[in-house]
Amino acid sequence: MQYTLKSFYKKSIVKVWLYGFLADIIGASILFFLGILGDSVGIPYELSSAINYDPFSNPIAVLIITVSILVSLIFIFLFNYKFTFRRIIVESHLRFKVALIIAIATMPWTFLLPTKWFYY
């Protein structure tokens, strides 16, 4: 079945948006639980504070946040590849490319923003 760009967009945009939002929630939940439960799992206050407020004050916080961004990227890719574009893009290599490009372009880079900018 041949799709025009407009029909492709109409058939996929809501699913791409919802699955992307779900993937961002999965990645953010890692940061949330490390920030909230940091003391109970043995994370030092300096690290949990860096995760929550200023990631660039601690290199390990940047690493943890980068891992959560990559987790979101993986889920965005999988959701789009396995569910959103499964029936729309039949060719697997083209579906792989489209899902990967969307995942890279929409990964939650804002996780790296220091929230202290918004509180002080």
PDB file of N, CA and C in Angstrom:
ATOM      1  N   MET A   1       0.840  -1.175   0.000  1.00  0.00           N
ATOM      2  CA  MET A   1       0.000   0.000   0.000  1.00  0.00           C
ATOM      3  C   MET A   1       0.889   1.243   0.000  1.00  0.00           C
ATOM      4  N   GLN A   2       0.601   2.156  -0.853  1.00  0.00           N
ATOM      5  CA  GLN A   2       1.380   3.384  -1.000  1.00  0.00           C
ATOM      6  C   GLN A   2       0.714   4.507  -0.201  1.00  0.00           C
ATOM      7  N   TYR A   3       1.495   5.180   0.623  1.00  0.00           N
ATOM      8  CA  TYR A   3       0.993   6.283   1.421  1.00  0.00           C
ATOM      9  C   TYR A   3       1.572   7.597   0.908  1.00  0.00           C
ATOM     10  N   THR A   4       0.750   8.627   0.930  1.00  0.00           N
ATOM     11  CA  THR A   4       1.280   9.961   0.679  1.00  0.00           C
ATOM     12  C   THR A   4       1.835  10.478   1.995  1.00  0.00           C
ATOM     13  N   LEU A   5       2.604  11.536   1.923  1.00  0.00           N
ATOM     14  CA  LEU A   5       3.193  12.099   3.133  1.00  0.00           C
ATOM     15  C   LEU A   5       2.116  12.532   4.125  1.00  0.00           C
ATOM     16  N   LYS A   6       1.052  13.106   3.621  1.00  0.00           N
ATOM     17  CA  LYS A   6      -0.030  13.572   4.496  1.00  0.00           C
ATOM     18  C   LYS A   6      -0.725  12.400   5.185  1.00  0.00           C
ATOM     19  N   SER A   7      -1.027  11.346   4.460  1.00  0.00           N
ATOM     20  CA  SER A   7      -1.694  10.198   5.070  1.00  0.00           C
ATOM     21  C   SER A   7      -0.743   9.449   6.009  1.00  0.00           C
ATOM     22  N   PHE A   8       0.542   9.397   5.655  1.00  0.00           N
ATOM     23  CA  PHE A   8       1.538   8.787   6.542  1.00  0.00           C
ATOM     24  C   PHE A   8       1.585   9.538   7.861  1.00  0.00           C
ATOM     25  N   TYR A   9       1.600  10.859   7.777  1.00  0.00           N
ATOM     26  CA  TYR A   9       1.634  11.703   8.969  1.00  0.00           C
ATOM     27  C   TYR A   9       0.379  11.492   9.807  1.00  0.00           C
ATOM     28  N   LYS A  10      -0.779  11.483   9.173  1.00  0.00           N
ATOM     29  CA  LYS A  10      -2.039  11.310   9.896  1.00  0.00           C
ATOM     30  C   LYS A  10      -2.114   9.958  10.592  1.00  0.00           C
ATOM     31  N   LYS A  11      -1.598   8.929   9.951  1.00  0.00           N
ATOM     32  CA  LYS A  11      -1.665   7.593  10.523  1.00  0.00           C
ATOM     33  C   LYS A  11      -0.666   7.360  11.643  1.00  0.00           C
ATOM     34  N   SER A  12       0.388   8.170  11.697  1.00  0.00           N
ATOM     35  CA  SER A  12       1.445   7.848  12.648  1.00  0.00           C
ATOM     36  C   SER A  12       1.697   8.891  13.726  1.00  0.00           C
ATOM     37  N   ILE A  13       1.306  10.132  13.550  1.00  0.00           N
ATOM     38  CA  ILE A  13       1.756  11.183  14.455  1.00  0.00           C
ATOM     39  C   ILE A  13       1.270  10.997  15.891  1.00  0.00           C
ATOM     40  N   VAL A  14       0.034  10.588  16.072  1.00  0.00           N
ATOM     41  CA  VAL A  14      -0.482  10.422  17.433  1.00  0.00           C
ATOM     42  C   VAL A  14       0.242   9.285  18.140  1.00  0.00           C
ATOM     43  N   LYS A  15       0.454   8.174  17.436  1.00  0.00           N
ATOM     44  CA  LYS A  15       1.174   7.055  18.039  1.00  0.00           C
ATOM     45  C   LYS A  15       2.621   7.426  18.345  1.00  0.00           C
ATOM     46  N   VAL A  16       3.275   8.124  17.430  1.00  0.00           N
ATOM     47  CA  VAL A  16       4.660   8.554  17.664  1.00  0.00           C
ATOM     48  C   VAL A  16       4.719   9.438  18.895  1.00  0.00           C
ATOM     49  N   TRP A  17       3.784  10.366  19.010  1.00  0.00           N
ATOM     50  CA  TRP A  17       3.768  11.289  20.140  1.00  0.00           C
ATOM     51  C   TRP A  17       3.502  10.553  21.451  1.00  0.00           C
ATOM     52  N   LEU A  18       2.496   9.683  21.474  1.00  0.00           N
ATOM     53  CA  LEU A  18       2.153   8.976  22.709  1.00  0.00           C
ATOM     54  C   LEU A  18       3.251   8.007  23.148  1.00  0.00           C
ATOM     55  N   TYR A  19       3.786   7.249  22.200  1.00  0.00           N
ATOM     56  CA  TYR A  19       4.860   6.330  22.558  1.00  0.00           C
ATOM     57  C   TYR A  19       6.124   7.086  22.963  1.00  0.00           C
ATOM     58  N   GLY A  20       6.385   8.212  22.336  1.00  0.00           N
ATOM     59  CA  GLY A  20       7.526   9.032  22.728  1.00  0.00           C
ATOM     60  C   GLY A  20       7.363   9.576  24.126  1.00  0.00           C
ATOM     61  N   PHE A  21       6.157   9.998  24.449  1.00  0.00           N
ATOM     62  CA  PHE A  21       5.872  10.492  25.791  1.00  0.00           C
ATOM     63  C   PHE A  21       6.047   9.374  26.817  1.00  0.00           C
ATOM     64  N   LEU A  22       5.562   8.175  26.496  1.00  0.00           N
ATOM     65  CA  LEU A  22       5.720   7.027  27.386  1.00  0.00           C
ATOM     66  C   LEU A  22       7.199   6.690  27.580  1.00  0.00           C
ATOM     67  N   ALA A  23       7.972   6.722  26.523  1.00  0.00           N
ATOM     68  CA  ALA A  23       9.407   6.435  26.615  1.00  0.00           C
ATOM     69  C   ALA A  23      10.115   7.486  27.468  1.00  0.00           C
ATOM     70  N   ASP A  24       9.718   8.753  27.344  1.00  0.00           N
ATOM     71  CA  ASP A  24      10.304   9.804  28.173  1.00  0.00           C
ATOM     72  C   ASP A  24       9.952   9.606  29.648  1.00  0.00           C
ATOM     73  N   ILE A  25       8.742   9.139  29.910  1.00  0.00           N
ATOM     74  CA  ILE A  25       8.342   8.862  31.290  1.00  0.00           C
ATOM     75  C   ILE A  25       9.173   7.715  31.860  1.00  0.00           C
ATOM     76  N   ILE A  26       9.454   6.713  31.058  1.00  0.00           N
ATOM     77  CA  ILE A  26      10.286   5.591  31.515  1.00  0.00           C
ATOM     78  C   ILE A  26      11.683   6.094  31.880  1.00  0.00           C
ATOM     79  N   GLY A  27      12.279   6.911  31.009  1.00  0.00           N
ATOM     80  CA  GLY A  27      13.604   7.456  31.307  1.00  0.00           C
ATOM     81  C   GLY A  27      13.588   8.391  32.499  1.00  0.00           C
ATOM     82  N   ALA A  28      12.557   9.207  32.607  1.00  0.00           N
ATOM     83  CA  ALA A  28      12.462  10.147  33.723  1.00  0.00           C
ATOM     84  C   ALA A  28      12.219   9.426  35.043  1.00  0.00           C
ATOM     85  N   SER A  29      11.546   8.285  34.992  1.00  0.00           N
ATOM     86  CA  SER A  29      11.297   7.544  36.231  1.00  0.00           C
ATOM     87  C   SER A  29      12.602   7.037  36.844  1.00  0.00           C
ATOM     88  N   ILE A  30      13.575   6.739  36.017  1.00  0.00           N
ATOM     89  CA  ILE A  30      14.899   6.342  36.535  1.00  0.00           C
ATOM     90  C   ILE A  30      15.475   7.490  37.359  1.00  0.00           C
ATOM     91  N   LEU A  31      15.430   8.692  36.804  1.00  0.00           N
ATOM     92  CA  LEU A  31      15.960   9.853  37.511  1.00  0.00           C
ATOM     93  C   LEU A  31      15.132  10.181  38.744  1.00  0.00           C
ATOM     94  N   PHE A  32      13.832  10.039  38.628  1.00  0.00           N
ATOM     95  CA  PHE A  32      12.948  10.319  39.753  1.00  0.00           C
ATOM     96  C   PHE A  32      13.247   9.392  40.924  1.00  0.00           C
ATOM     97  N   PHE A  33      13.341   8.089  40.649  1.00  0.00           N
ATOM     98  CA  PHE A  33      13.584   7.138  41.720  1.00  0.00           C
ATOM     99  C   PHE A  33      14.982   7.299  42.317  1.00  0.00           C
ATOM    100  N   LEU A  34      15.970   7.602  41.496  1.00  0.00           N
ATOM    101  CA  LEU A  34      17.306   7.842  42.042  1.00  0.00           C
ATOM    102  C   LEU A  34      17.347   9.120  42.870  1.00  0.00           C
ATOM    103  N   GLY A  35      16.591  10.119  42.457  1.00  0.00           N
ATOM    104  CA  GLY A  35      16.552  11.362  43.213  1.00  0.00           C
ATOM    105  C   GLY A  35      15.787  11.242  44.507  1.00  0.00           C
ATOM    106  N   ILE A  36      14.667  10.544  44.475  1.00  0.00           N
ATOM    107  CA  ILE A  36      13.823  10.408  45.664  1.00  0.00           C
ATOM    108  C   ILE A  36      14.359   9.331  46.608  1.00  0.00           C
ATOM    109  N   LEU A  37      14.755   8.200  46.061  1.00  0.00           N
ATOM    110  CA  LEU A  37      15.184   7.069  46.885  1.00  0.00           C
ATOM    111  C   LEU A  37      16.702   6.967  46.997  1.00  0.00           C
ATOM    112  N   GLY A  38      17.398   8.031  46.634  1.00  0.00           N
ATOM    113  CA  GLY A  38      18.854   8.003  46.632  1.00  0.00           C
ATOM    114  C   GLY A  38      19.462   7.632  47.965  1.00  0.00           C
ATOM    115  N   ASP A  39      18.947   8.199  49.043  1.00  0.00           N
ATOM    116  CA  ASP A  39      19.489   7.908  50.371  1.00  0.00           C
ATOM    117  C   ASP A  39      19.268   6.457  50.767  1.00  0.00           C
ATOM    118  N   SER A  40      18.104   5.904  50.430  1.00  0.00           N
ATOM    119  CA  SER A  40      17.798   4.538  50.857  1.00  0.00           C
ATOM    120  C   SER A  40      18.568   3.483  50.065  1.00  0.00           C
ATOM    121  N   VAL A  41      19.075   3.827  48.877  1.00  0.00           N
ATOM    122  CA  VAL A  41      19.867   2.863  48.110  1.00  0.00           C
ATOM    123  C   VAL A  41      21.363   3.172  48.177  1.00  0.00           C
ATOM    124  N   GLY A  42      21.741   4.123  49.019  1.00  0.00           N
ATOM    125  CA  GLY A  42      23.155   4.405  49.256  1.00  0.00           C
ATOM    126  C   GLY A  42      23.794   5.412  48.325  1.00  0.00           C
ATOM    127  N   ILE A  43      22.988   6.199  47.636  1.00  0.00           N
ATOM    128  CA  ILE A  43      23.554   7.232  46.769  1.00  0.00           C
ATOM    129  C   ILE A  43      23.896   8.441  47.631  1.00  0.00           C
ATOM    130  N   PRO A  44      25.115   8.951  47.544  1.00  0.00           N
ATOM    131  CA  PRO A  44      25.491  10.120  48.349  1.00  0.00           C
ATOM    132  C   PRO A  44      24.628  11.338  48.017  1.00  0.00           C
ATOM    133  N   TYR A  45      24.459  12.207  49.007  1.00  0.00           N
ATOM    134  CA  TYR A  45      23.638  13.397  48.821  1.00  0.00           C
ATOM    135  C   TYR A  45      24.144  14.260  47.676  1.00  0.00           C
ATOM    136  N   GLU A  46      25.453  14.378  47.531  1.00  0.00           N
ATOM    137  CA  GLU A  46      26.024  15.209  46.469  1.00  0.00           C
ATOM    138  C   GLU A  46      25.595  14.716  45.089  1.00  0.00           C
ATOM    139  N   LEU A  47      25.549  13.396  44.933  1.00  0.00           N
ATOM    140  CA  LEU A  47      25.155  12.818  43.652  1.00  0.00           C
ATOM    141  C   LEU A  47      23.661  12.991  43.407  1.00  0.00           C
ATOM    142  N   SER A  48      22.838  12.714  44.400  1.00  0.00           N
ATOM    143  CA  SER A  48      21.395  12.877  44.200  1.00  0.00           C
ATOM    144  C   SER A  48      21.037  14.347  44.000  1.00  0.00           C
ATOM    145  N   SER A  49      21.749  15.237  44.662  1.00  0.00           N
ATOM    146  CA  SER A  49      21.534  16.667  44.458  1.00  0.00           C
ATOM    147  C   SER A  49      21.935  17.078  43.042  1.00  0.00           C
ATOM    148  N   ALA A  50      23.023  16.519  42.561  1.00  0.00           N
ATOM    149  CA  ALA A  50      23.466  16.814  41.195  1.00  0.00           C
ATOM    150  C   ALA A  50      22.461  16.285  40.171  1.00  0.00           C
ATOM    151  N   ILE A  51      21.921  15.108  40.408  1.00  0.00           N
ATOM    152  CA  ILE A  51      20.923  14.542  39.500  1.00  0.00           C
ATOM    153  C   ILE A  51      19.675  15.429  39.474  1.00  0.00           C
ATOM    154  N   ASN A  52      19.271  15.905  40.631  1.00  0.00           N
ATOM    155  CA  ASN A  52      18.035  16.676  40.731  1.00  0.00           C
ATOM    156  C   ASN A  52      18.167  18.134  40.314  1.00  0.00           C
ATOM    157  N   TYR A  53      19.332  18.748  40.576  1.00  0.00           N
ATOM    158  CA  TYR A  53      19.421  20.195  40.397  1.00  0.00           C
ATOM    159  C   TYR A  53      20.473  20.678  39.404  1.00  0.00           C
ATOM    160  N   ASP A  54      21.642  20.061  39.420  1.00  0.00           N
ATOM    161  CA  ASP A  54      22.729  20.547  38.569  1.00  0.00           C
ATOM    162  C   ASP A  54      23.604  19.388  38.111  1.00  0.00           C
ATOM    163  N   PRO A  55      23.233  18.737  37.012  1.00  0.00           N
ATOM    164  CA  PRO A  55      23.969  17.545  36.586  1.00  0.00           C
ATOM    165  C   PRO A  55      25.437  17.805  36.289  1.00  0.00           C
ATOM    166  N   PHE A  56      25.770  19.012  35.862  1.00  0.00           N
ATOM    167  CA  PHE A  56      27.149  19.286  35.467  1.00  0.00           C
ATOM    168  C   PHE A  56      28.064  19.576  36.647  1.00  0.00           C
ATOM    169  N   SER A  57      27.535  19.496  37.861  1.00  0.00           N
ATOM    170  CA  SER A  57      28.377  19.641  39.037  1.00  0.00           C
ATOM    171  C   SER A  57      29.014  18.316  39.445  1.00  0.00           C
ATOM    172  N   ASN A  58      28.588  17.225  38.822  1.00  0.00           N
ATOM    173  CA  ASN A  58      29.116  15.907  39.161  1.00  0.00           C
ATOM    174  C   ASN A  58      29.136  15.053  37.892  1.00  0.00           C
ATOM    175  N   PRO A  59      30.314  14.555  37.498  1.00  0.00           N
ATOM    176  CA  PRO A  59      30.396  13.767  36.264  1.00  0.00           C
ATOM    177  C   PRO A  59      29.581  12.472  36.301  1.00  0.00           C
ATOM    178  N   ILE A  60      29.420  11.886  37.476  1.00  0.00           N
ATOM    179  CA  ILE A  60      28.622  10.659  37.576  1.00  0.00           C
ATOM    180  C   ILE A  60      27.145  10.975  37.336  1.00  0.00           C
ATOM    181  N   ALA A  61      26.698  12.146  37.774  1.00  0.00           N
ATOM    182  CA  ALA A  61      25.315  12.561  37.515  1.00  0.00           C
ATOM    183  C   ALA A  61      25.074  12.720  36.019  1.00  0.00           C
ATOM    184  N   VAL A  62      26.049  13.283  35.315  1.00  0.00           N
ATOM    185  CA  VAL A  62      25.922  13.413  33.858  1.00  0.00           C
ATOM    186  C   VAL A  62      25.832  12.025  33.229  1.00  0.00           C
ATOM    187  N   LEU A  63      26.623  11.101  33.717  1.00  0.00           N
ATOM    188  CA  LEU A  63      26.591   9.733  33.200  1.00  0.00           C
ATOM    189  C   LEU A  63      25.238   9.071  33.464  1.00  0.00           C
ATOM    190  N   ILE A  64      24.712   9.219  34.660  1.00  0.00           N
ATOM    191  CA  ILE A  64      23.420   8.620  35.006  1.00  0.00           C
ATOM    192  C   ILE A  64      22.311   9.224  34.152  1.00  0.00           C
ATOM    193  N   ILE A  65      22.327  10.530  33.983  1.00  0.00           N
ATOM    194  CA  ILE A  65      21.300  11.189  33.174  1.00  0.00           C
ATOM    195  C   ILE A  65      21.435  10.775  31.714  1.00  0.00           C
ATOM    196  N   THR A  66      22.671  10.648  31.237  1.00  0.00           N
ATOM    197  CA  THR A  66      22.884  10.192  29.863  1.00  0.00           C
ATOM    198  C   THR A  66      22.347   8.776  29.665  1.00  0.00           C
ATOM    199  N   VAL A  67      22.536   7.929  30.654  1.00  0.00           N
ATOM    200  CA  VAL A  67      21.994   6.568  30.572  1.00  0.00           C
ATOM    201  C   VAL A  67      20.467   6.608  30.515  1.00  0.00           C
ATOM    202  N   SER A  68      19.844   7.464  31.316  1.00  0.00           N
ATOM    203  CA  SER A  68      18.377   7.544  31.274  1.00  0.00           C
ATOM    204  C   SER A  68      17.891   8.104  29.937  1.00  0.00           C
ATOM    205  N   ILE A  69      18.657   9.015  29.339  1.00  0.00           N
ATOM    206  CA  ILE A  69      18.323   9.507  27.996  1.00  0.00           C
ATOM    207  C   ILE A  69      18.424   8.379  26.986  1.00  0.00           C
ATOM    208  N   LEU A  70      19.463   7.569  27.099  1.00  0.00           N
ATOM    209  CA  LEU A  70      19.638   6.438  26.180  1.00  0.00           C
ATOM    210  C   LEU A  70      18.555   5.381  26.371  1.00  0.00           C
ATOM    211  N   VAL A  71      18.102   5.183  27.605  1.00  0.00           N
ATOM    212  CA  VAL A  71      16.986   4.264  27.851  1.00  0.00           C
ATOM    213  C   VAL A  71      15.740   4.775  27.132  1.00  0.00           C
ATOM    214  N   SER A  72      15.488   6.071  27.242  1.00  0.00           N
ATOM    215  CA  SER A  72      14.355   6.661  26.522  1.00  0.00           C
ATOM    216  C   SER A  72      14.521   6.497  25.019  1.00  0.00           C
ATOM    217  N   LEU A  73      15.728   6.713  24.510  1.00  0.00           N
ATOM    218  CA  LEU A  73      16.006   6.542  23.080  1.00  0.00           C
ATOM    219  C   LEU A  73      15.687   5.129  22.626  1.00  0.00           C
ATOM    220  N   ILE A  74      16.097   4.147  23.395  1.00  0.00           N
ATOM    221  CA  ILE A  74      15.848   2.749  23.041  1.00  0.00           C
ATOM    222  C   ILE A  74      14.354   2.463  23.004  1.00  0.00           C
ATOM    223  N   PHE A  75      13.626   2.965  24.013  1.00  0.00           N
ATOM    224  CA  PHE A  75      12.185   2.731  24.030  1.00  0.00           C
ATOM    225  C   PHE A  75      11.467   3.475  22.906  1.00  0.00           C
ATOM    226  N   ILE A  76      11.888   4.700  22.610  1.00  0.00           N
ATOM    227  CA  ILE A  76      11.287   5.423  21.482  1.00  0.00           C
ATOM    228  C   ILE A  76      11.488   4.620  20.200  1.00  0.00           C
ATOM    229  N   PHE A  77      12.711   4.148  19.992  1.00  0.00           N
ATOM    230  CA  PHE A  77      13.001   3.354  18.798  1.00  0.00           C
ATOM    231  C   PHE A  77      12.138   2.089  18.750  1.00  0.00           C
ATOM    232  N   LEU A  78      12.121   1.338  19.850  1.00  0.00           N
ATOM    233  CA  LEU A  78      11.373   0.071  19.863  1.00  0.00           C
ATOM    234  C   LEU A  78       9.884   0.286  19.658  1.00  0.00           C
ATOM    235  N   PHE A  79       9.321   1.276  20.334  1.00  0.00           N
ATOM    236  CA  PHE A  79       7.890   1.538  20.171  1.00  0.00           C
ATOM    237  C   PHE A  79       7.562   1.902  18.729  1.00  0.00           C
ATOM    238  N   ASN A  80       8.378   2.770  18.138  1.00  0.00           N
ATOM    239  CA  ASN A  80       8.106   3.170  16.754  1.00  0.00           C
ATOM    240  C   ASN A  80       8.338   2.031  15.776  1.00  0.00           C
ATOM    241  N   TYR A  81       9.418   1.291  15.972  1.00  0.00           N
ATOM    242  CA  TYR A  81       9.742   0.195  15.052  1.00  0.00           C
ATOM    243  C   TYR A  81       8.733  -0.943  15.164  1.00  0.00           C
ATOM    244  N   LYS A  82       8.411  -1.341  16.388  1.00  0.00           N
ATOM    245  CA  LYS A  82       7.556  -2.517  16.587  1.00  0.00           C
ATOM    246  C   LYS A  82       6.064  -2.224  16.479  1.00  0.00           C
ATOM    247  N   PHE A  83       5.645  -1.006  16.854  1.00  0.00           N
ATOM    248  CA  PHE A  83       4.209  -0.746  16.925  1.00  0.00           C
ATOM    249  C   PHE A  83       3.728   0.319  15.941  1.00  0.00           C
ATOM    250  N   THR A  84       4.347   1.487  15.967  1.00  0.00           N
ATOM    251  CA  THR A  84       3.825   2.598  15.176  1.00  0.00           C
ATOM    252  C   THR A  84       3.937   2.353  13.682  1.00  0.00           C
ATOM    253  N   PHE A  85       5.108   1.951  13.214  1.00  0.00           N
ATOM    254  CA  PHE A  85       5.356   1.839  11.777  1.00  0.00           C
ATOM    255  C   PHE A  85       5.269   0.412  11.250  1.00  0.00           C
ATOM    256  N   ARG A  86       4.839  -0.527  12.070  1.00  0.00           N
ATOM    257  CA  ARG A  86       4.818  -1.929  11.670  1.00  0.00           C
ATOM    258  C   ARG A  86       3.964  -2.166  10.425  1.00  0.00           C
ATOM    259  N   ARG A  87       2.796  -1.554  10.371  1.00  0.00           N
ATOM    260  CA  ARG A  87       1.905  -1.756   9.218  1.00  0.00           C
ATOM    261  C   ARG A  87       2.045  -0.654   8.170  1.00  0.00           C
ATOM    262  N   ILE A  88       2.618   0.462   8.573  1.00  0.00           N
ATOM    263  CA  ILE A  88       2.727   1.589   7.645  1.00  0.00           C
ATOM    264  C   ILE A  88       3.952   1.447   6.745  1.00  0.00           C
ATOM    265  N   ILE A  89       5.093   1.039   7.330  1.00  0.00           N
ATOM    266  CA  ILE A  89       6.330   0.845   6.566  1.00  0.00           C
ATOM    267  C   ILE A  89       6.662  -0.645   6.608  1.00  0.00           C
ATOM    268  N   VAL A  90       6.411  -1.318   5.531  1.00  0.00           N
ATOM    269  CA  VAL A  90       6.570  -2.772   5.490  1.00  0.00           C
ATOM    270  C   VAL A  90       8.042  -3.181   5.411  1.00  0.00           C
ATOM    271  N   GLU A  91       8.840  -2.434   4.659  1.00  0.00           N
ATOM    272  CA  GLU A  91      10.261  -2.769   4.505  1.00  0.00           C
ATOM    273  C   GLU A  91      10.985  -2.523   5.831  1.00  0.00           C
ATOM    274  N   SER A  92      11.593  -3.581   6.365  1.00  0.00           N
ATOM    275  CA  SER A  92      12.174  -3.491   7.705  1.00  0.00           C
ATOM    276  C   SER A  92      13.366  -2.534   7.770  1.00  0.00           C
ATOM    277  N   HIS A  93      14.209  -2.478   6.733  1.00  0.00           N
ATOM    278  CA  HIS A  93      15.372  -1.581   6.797  1.00  0.00           C
ATOM    279  C   HIS A  93      14.944  -0.118   6.727  1.00  0.00           C
ATOM    280  N   LEU A  94      13.912   0.192   5.981  1.00  0.00           N
ATOM    281  CA  LEU A  94      13.394   1.559   5.926  1.00  0.00           C
ATOM    282  C   LEU A  94      12.702   1.918   7.240  1.00  0.00           C
ATOM    283  N   ARG A  95      11.936   0.976   7.782  1.00  0.00           N
ATOM    284  CA  ARG A  95      11.286   1.186   9.082  1.00  0.00           C
ATOM    285  C   ARG A  95      12.331   1.399  10.169  1.00  0.00           C
ATOM    286  N   PHE A  96      13.441   0.640  10.102  1.00  0.00           N
ATOM    287  CA  PHE A  96      14.537   0.802  11.051  1.00  0.00           C
ATOM    288  C   PHE A  96      15.117   2.211  10.983  1.00  0.00           C
ATOM    289  N   LYS A  97      15.366   2.688   9.773  1.00  0.00           N
ATOM    290  CA  LYS A  97      15.946   4.015   9.594  1.00  0.00           C
ATOM    291  C   LYS A  97      15.017   5.112  10.100  1.00  0.00           C
ATOM    292  N   VAL A  98      13.754   5.028   9.757  1.00  0.00           N
ATOM    293  CA  VAL A  98      12.796   6.050  10.181  1.00  0.00           C
ATOM    294  C   VAL A  98      12.655   6.051  11.703  1.00  0.00           C
ATOM    295  N   ALA A  99      12.525   4.869  12.293  1.00  0.00           N
ATOM    296  CA  ALA A  99      12.386   4.773  13.750  1.00  0.00           C
ATOM    297  C   ALA A  99      13.642   5.282  14.448  1.00  0.00           C
ATOM    298  N   LEU A 100      14.810   4.989  13.901  1.00  0.00           N
ATOM    299  CA  LEU A 100      16.059   5.454  14.512  1.00  0.00           C
ATOM    300  C   LEU A 100      16.203   6.965  14.406  1.00  0.00           C
ATOM    301  N   ILE A 101      15.880   7.525  13.275  1.00  0.00           N
ATOM    302  CA  ILE A 101      15.975   8.983  13.096  1.00  0.00           C
ATOM    303  C   ILE A 101      15.020   9.699  14.046  1.00  0.00           C
ATOM    304  N   ILE A 102      13.804   9.199  14.151  1.00  0.00           N
ATOM    305  CA  ILE A 102      12.843   9.816  15.070  1.00  0.00           C
ATOM    306  C   ILE A 102      13.317   9.674  16.507  1.00  0.00           C
ATOM    307  N   ALA A 103      13.863   8.516  16.853  1.00  0.00           N
ATOM    308  CA  ALA A 103      14.345   8.306  18.223  1.00  0.00           C
ATOM    309  C   ALA A 103      15.490   9.258  18.563  1.00  0.00           C
ATOM    310  N   ILE A 104      16.420   9.432  17.660  1.00  0.00           N
ATOM    311  CA  ILE A 104      17.549  10.336  17.912  1.00  0.00           C
ATOM    312  C   ILE A 104      17.078  11.788  17.989  1.00  0.00           C
ATOM    313  N   ALA A 105      16.181  12.165  17.092  1.00  0.00           N
ATOM    314  CA  ALA A 105      15.724  13.556  17.058  1.00  0.00           C
ATOM    315  C   ALA A 105      14.851  13.918  18.248  1.00  0.00           C
ATOM    316  N   THR A 106      14.157  12.932  18.818  1.00  0.00           N
ATOM    317  CA  THR A 106      13.206  13.247  19.890  1.00  0.00           C
ATOM    318  C   THR A 106      13.632  12.725  21.259  1.00  0.00           C
ATOM    319  N   MET A 107      14.875  12.275  21.390  1.00  0.00           N
ATOM    320  CA  MET A 107      15.299  11.834  22.715  1.00  0.00           C
ATOM    321  C   MET A 107      15.291  13.016  23.674  1.00  0.00           C
ATOM    322  N   PRO A 108      15.044  12.765  24.942  1.00  0.00           N
ATOM    323  CA  PRO A 108      14.823  13.855  25.899  1.00  0.00           C
ATOM    324  C   PRO A 108      16.113  14.548  26.346  1.00  0.00           C
ATOM    325  N   TRP A 109      16.649  15.368  25.479  1.00  0.00           N
ATOM    326  CA  TRP A 109      17.870  16.110  25.801  1.00  0.00           C
ATOM    327  C   TRP A 109      17.664  17.037  26.990  1.00  0.00           C
ATOM    328  N   THR A 110      16.431  17.432  27.233  1.00  0.00           N
ATOM    329  CA  THR A 110      16.155  18.372  28.330  1.00  0.00           C
ATOM    330  C   THR A 110      16.423  17.777  29.707  1.00  0.00           C
ATOM    331  N   PHE A 111      16.608  16.469  29.795  1.00  0.00           N
ATOM    332  CA  PHE A 111      16.997  15.876  31.074  1.00  0.00           C
ATOM    333  C   PHE A 111      18.309  16.475  31.574  1.00  0.00           C
ATOM    334  N   LEU A 112      19.137  16.944  30.654  1.00  0.00           N
ATOM    335  CA  LEU A 112      20.441  17.507  31.037  1.00  0.00           C
ATOM    336  C   LEU A 112      20.362  18.966  31.495  1.00  0.00           C
ATOM    337  N   LEU A 113      19.205  19.598  31.332  1.00  0.00           N
ATOM    338  CA  LEU A 113      19.087  20.985  31.789  1.00  0.00           C
ATOM    339  C   LEU A 113      19.146  21.041  33.306  1.00  0.00           C
ATOM    340  N   PRO A 114      19.983  21.902  33.850  1.00  0.00           N
ATOM    341  CA  PRO A 114      20.017  22.046  35.313  1.00  0.00           C
ATOM    342  C   PRO A 114      18.709  22.666  35.813  1.00  0.00           C
ATOM    343  N   THR A 115      17.993  21.939  36.647  1.00  0.00           N
ATOM    344  CA  THR A 115      16.737  22.476  37.162  1.00  0.00           C
ATOM    345  C   THR A 115      16.968  23.624  38.126  1.00  0.00           C
ATOM    346  N   LYS A 116      18.179  23.784  38.587  1.00  0.00           N
ATOM    347  CA  LYS A 116      18.455  24.921  39.471  1.00  0.00           C
ATOM    348  C   LYS A 116      18.236  26.249  38.724  1.00  0.00           C
ATOM    349  N   TRP A 117      18.295  26.232  37.404  1.00  0.00           N
ATOM    350  CA  TRP A 117      18.007  27.429  36.629  1.00  0.00           C
ATOM    351  C   TRP A 117      16.567  27.891  36.846  1.00  0.00           C
ATOM    352  N   PHE A 118      15.683  26.958  37.131  1.00  0.00           N
ATOM    353  CA  PHE A 118      14.272  27.265  37.265  1.00  0.00           C
ATOM    354  C   PHE A 118      13.859  27.545  38.708  1.00  0.00           C
ATOM    355  N   TYR A 119      14.724  27.218  39.663  1.00  0.00           N
ATOM    356  CA  TYR A 119      14.389  27.372  41.074  1.00  0.00           C
ATOM    357  C   TYR A 119      15.055  28.569  41.722  1.00  0.00           C
ATOM    358  N   TYR A 120      16.160  29.031  41.203  1.00  0.00           N
ATOM    359  CA  TYR A 120      16.899  30.113  41.858  1.00  0.00           C
ATOM    360  C   TYR A 120      16.712  31.417  41.150  1.00  0.00           C
TER     361      TYR A 120
END
